Amino acid sequence: MAEVVEREVTLKELKTMMAEFARERDWDQFHSPRNLLLAMVGEVGELSEIFQWKGEVPRGLPGWKNEEKQHLGEELSDVLLYLVRLADICGIDLGKAALRKLELNAKKYPVKLCKGSSRKHTQISSSEADCNESDGKEDPSKQ
């Protein structure tokens, strides 16, 4: 069994490690986008089973046994590793894509309109958005 890594790891390192892992086993032939996506969805199902029937679970998972937390970490890792491999096979730089998505979400969900709210961006009225863009003053050109 491989040694447990006790350091920070980057997406680039995971991508390289996953590519090597697949290459060593001659699994590239099976790693089509569709197959990787379906495998990841299966792992998301296994992740969901951990939380099924538990109700709301507080941050930090108080009351969970170490074995339960370890199992959760393994399932989260399965999802992450399939996601990293899928992005690689599709030619997507996952880190750059994630940063871009965060920028888009920041525009879609401005702090002034969304702080403390779970409303979706489609539920934010245009008049609220117009007020936000002009520091609280409604834009007369939009009236």
Protein backbone atom coordinates (compact mmCIF):
# COMPACT_ATOMS: atom_id res chain seq x y z
CA MET A 1 0.00 0.00 0.00
CA ALA A 2 1.24 3.49 -0.83
CA GLU A 3 2.58 5.75 1.89
CA VAL A 4 0.12 8.32 3.26
CA VAL A 5 1.08 11.82 2.16
CA GLU A 6 1.25 14.34 5.01
CA ARG A 7 1.62 17.53 2.94
CA GLU A 8 -0.41 19.92 0.83
CA VAL A 9 -1.06 18.72 -2.70
CA THR A 10 -1.98 20.73 -5.78
CA LEU A 11 -4.51 19.92 -8.49
CA LYS A 12 -1.61 19.68 -10.93
CA GLU A 13 0.09 17.05 -8.76
CA LEU A 14 -3.16 15.07 -8.45
CA LYS A 15 -3.64 15.26 -12.22
CA THR A 16 -0.13 13.92 -12.82
CA MET A 17 -0.53 11.18 -10.22
CA MET A 18 -3.89 10.08 -11.63
CA ALA A 19 -2.52 9.99 -15.19
CA GLU A 20 0.42 7.87 -14.04
CA PHE A 21 -1.87 5.61 -11.99
CA ALA A 22 -4.06 4.96 -15.06
CA ARG A 23 -1.08 4.57 -17.41
CA GLU A 24 0.61 1.98 -15.16
CA ARG A 25 -2.55 -0.12 -15.21
CA ASP A 26 -3.31 0.42 -18.90
CA TRP A 27 -6.62 2.02 -17.95
CA ASP A 28 -6.42 4.98 -20.34
CA GLN A 29 -8.45 2.89 -22.76
CA PHE A 30 -11.36 2.97 -20.31
CA HIS A 31 -11.08 6.62 -19.28
CA SER A 32 -13.45 8.26 -21.70
CA PRO A 33 -15.27 11.38 -20.47
CA ARG A 34 -18.54 9.44 -20.26
CA ASN A 35 -17.05 6.55 -18.27
CA LEU A 36 -15.28 8.88 -15.86
CA LEU A 37 -18.43 10.95 -15.35
CA LEU A 38 -20.55 7.88 -14.64
CA ALA A 39 -17.93 6.54 -12.23
CA MET A 40 -17.87 9.91 -10.44
CA VAL A 41 -21.66 9.95 -10.19
CA GLY A 42 -21.49 6.50 -8.60
CA GLU A 43 -19.02 7.83 -6.06
CA VAL A 44 -21.28 10.82 -5.34
CA GLY A 45 -24.00 8.27 -4.60
CA GLU A 46 -21.71 6.50 -2.12
CA LEU A 47 -20.91 9.88 -0.55
CA SER A 48 -24.63 10.63 -0.26
CA GLU A 49 -25.25 7.33 1.52
CA ILE A 50 -22.99 8.45 4.36
CA PHE A 51 -25.32 11.38 5.11
CA GLN A 52 -28.58 9.59 4.32
CA TRP A 53 -30.95 9.50 7.29
CA LYS A 54 -28.69 11.61 9.50
CA GLY A 55 -30.69 14.82 9.21
CA GLU A 56 -28.75 18.06 9.38
CA VAL A 57 -25.14 17.46 10.33
CA PRO A 58 -23.28 20.32 12.07
CA ARG A 59 -19.90 21.55 10.87
CA GLY A 60 -16.97 19.57 12.14
CA LEU A 61 -19.12 16.45 12.42
CA PRO A 62 -19.37 16.38 16.23
CA GLY A 63 -20.23 12.95 17.54
CA TRP A 64 -18.90 11.16 14.48
CA LYS A 65 -16.45 8.34 15.10
CA ASN A 66 -12.98 8.51 13.58
CA GLU A 67 -13.87 5.56 11.34
CA GLU A 68 -16.88 7.47 9.98
CA LYS A 69 -14.76 10.55 9.25
CA GLN A 70 -12.13 8.40 7.55
CA HIS A 71 -14.80 6.76 5.40
CA LEU A 72 -16.15 10.20 4.49
CA GLY A 73 -12.64 11.33 3.53
CA GLU A 74 -12.24 8.29 1.28
CA GLU A 75 -15.51 8.93 -0.53
CA LEU A 76 -14.78 12.65 -0.91
CA SER A 77 -11.40 11.68 -2.33
CA ASP A 78 -12.97 9.29 -4.83
CA VAL A 79 -15.16 12.12 -6.12
CA LEU A 80 -12.23 14.54 -6.27
CA LEU A 81 -9.94 12.10 -8.06
CA TYR A 82 -12.54 11.26 -10.71
CA LEU A 83 -13.24 14.97 -11.17
CA VAL A 84 -9.54 15.75 -11.62
CA ARG A 85 -9.14 12.86 -14.08
CA LEU A 86 -12.28 13.88 -16.02
CA ALA A 87 -11.04 17.47 -16.32
CA ASP A 88 -7.65 16.21 -17.53
CA ILE A 89 -9.15 13.91 -20.15
CA CYS A 90 -11.39 16.76 -21.36
CA GLY A 91 -8.46 19.18 -21.54
CA ILE A 92 -9.86 21.49 -18.86
CA ASP A 93 -7.52 23.27 -16.44
CA LEU A 94 -9.64 22.68 -13.35
CA GLY A 95 -7.86 25.27 -11.22
CA LYS A 96 -8.33 28.02 -13.80
CA ALA A 97 -11.93 26.95 -14.44
CA ALA A 98 -12.68 27.06 -10.71
CA LEU A 99 -11.16 30.54 -10.34
CA ARG A 100 -13.17 31.77 -13.32
CA LYS A 101 -16.35 30.28 -11.84
CA LEU A 102 -15.69 32.03 -8.52
CA GLU A 103 -15.35 35.34 -10.40
CA LEU A 104 -18.62 34.71 -12.27
CA ASN A 105 -20.41 33.78 -9.04
CA ALA A 106 -19.13 36.96 -7.37
CA LYS A 107 -20.81 38.97 -10.13
CA LYS A 108 -23.95 36.84 -10.06
CA TYR A 109 -24.23 37.05 -6.28
CA PRO A 110 -23.05 40.52 -5.17
CA VAL A 111 -22.44 40.73 -1.43
CA LYS A 112 -24.80 43.70 -0.99
CA LEU A 113 -27.71 41.71 -2.41
CA CYS A 114 -26.95 38.20 -1.28
CA LYS A 115 -25.31 38.35 2.13
CA GLY A 116 -27.24 36.07 4.46
CA SER A 117 -29.68 35.05 1.72
CA SER A 118 -30.09 31.69 0.02
CA ARG A 119 -31.97 33.17 -2.94
CA LYS A 120 -30.83 32.10 -6.37
CA HIS A 121 -29.51 34.80 -8.70
CA THR A 122 -32.71 34.55 -10.75
CA GLN A 123 -34.67 35.61 -7.66
CA ILE A 124 -32.78 38.89 -7.26
CA SER A 125 -34.90 41.60 -8.85
CA SER A 126 -33.38 43.84 -11.50
CA SER A 127 -34.32 46.93 -9.47
CA GLU A 128 -32.28 45.55 -6.57
CA ALA A 129 -29.39 44.93 -8.95
CA ASP A 130 -29.71 48.44 -10.41
CA CYS A 131 -29.59 49.88 -6.89
CA ASN A 132 -26.53 47.80 -6.07
CA GLU A 133 -24.59 48.90 -9.14
CA SER A 134 -25.13 52.58 -8.28
CA ASP A 135 -24.27 52.31 -4.57
CA GLY A 136 -27.87 52.15 -3.41
CA LYS A 137 -29.25 54.83 -5.70
CA GLU A 138 -31.59 53.59 -8.38
CA ASP A 139 -30.28 54.17 -11.90
CA PRO A 140 -32.62 56.75 -13.51
CA SER A 141 -31.92 55.39 -17.00
CA LYS A 142 -33.50 52.09 -15.93
CA GLN A 143 -36.81 53.67 -14.81
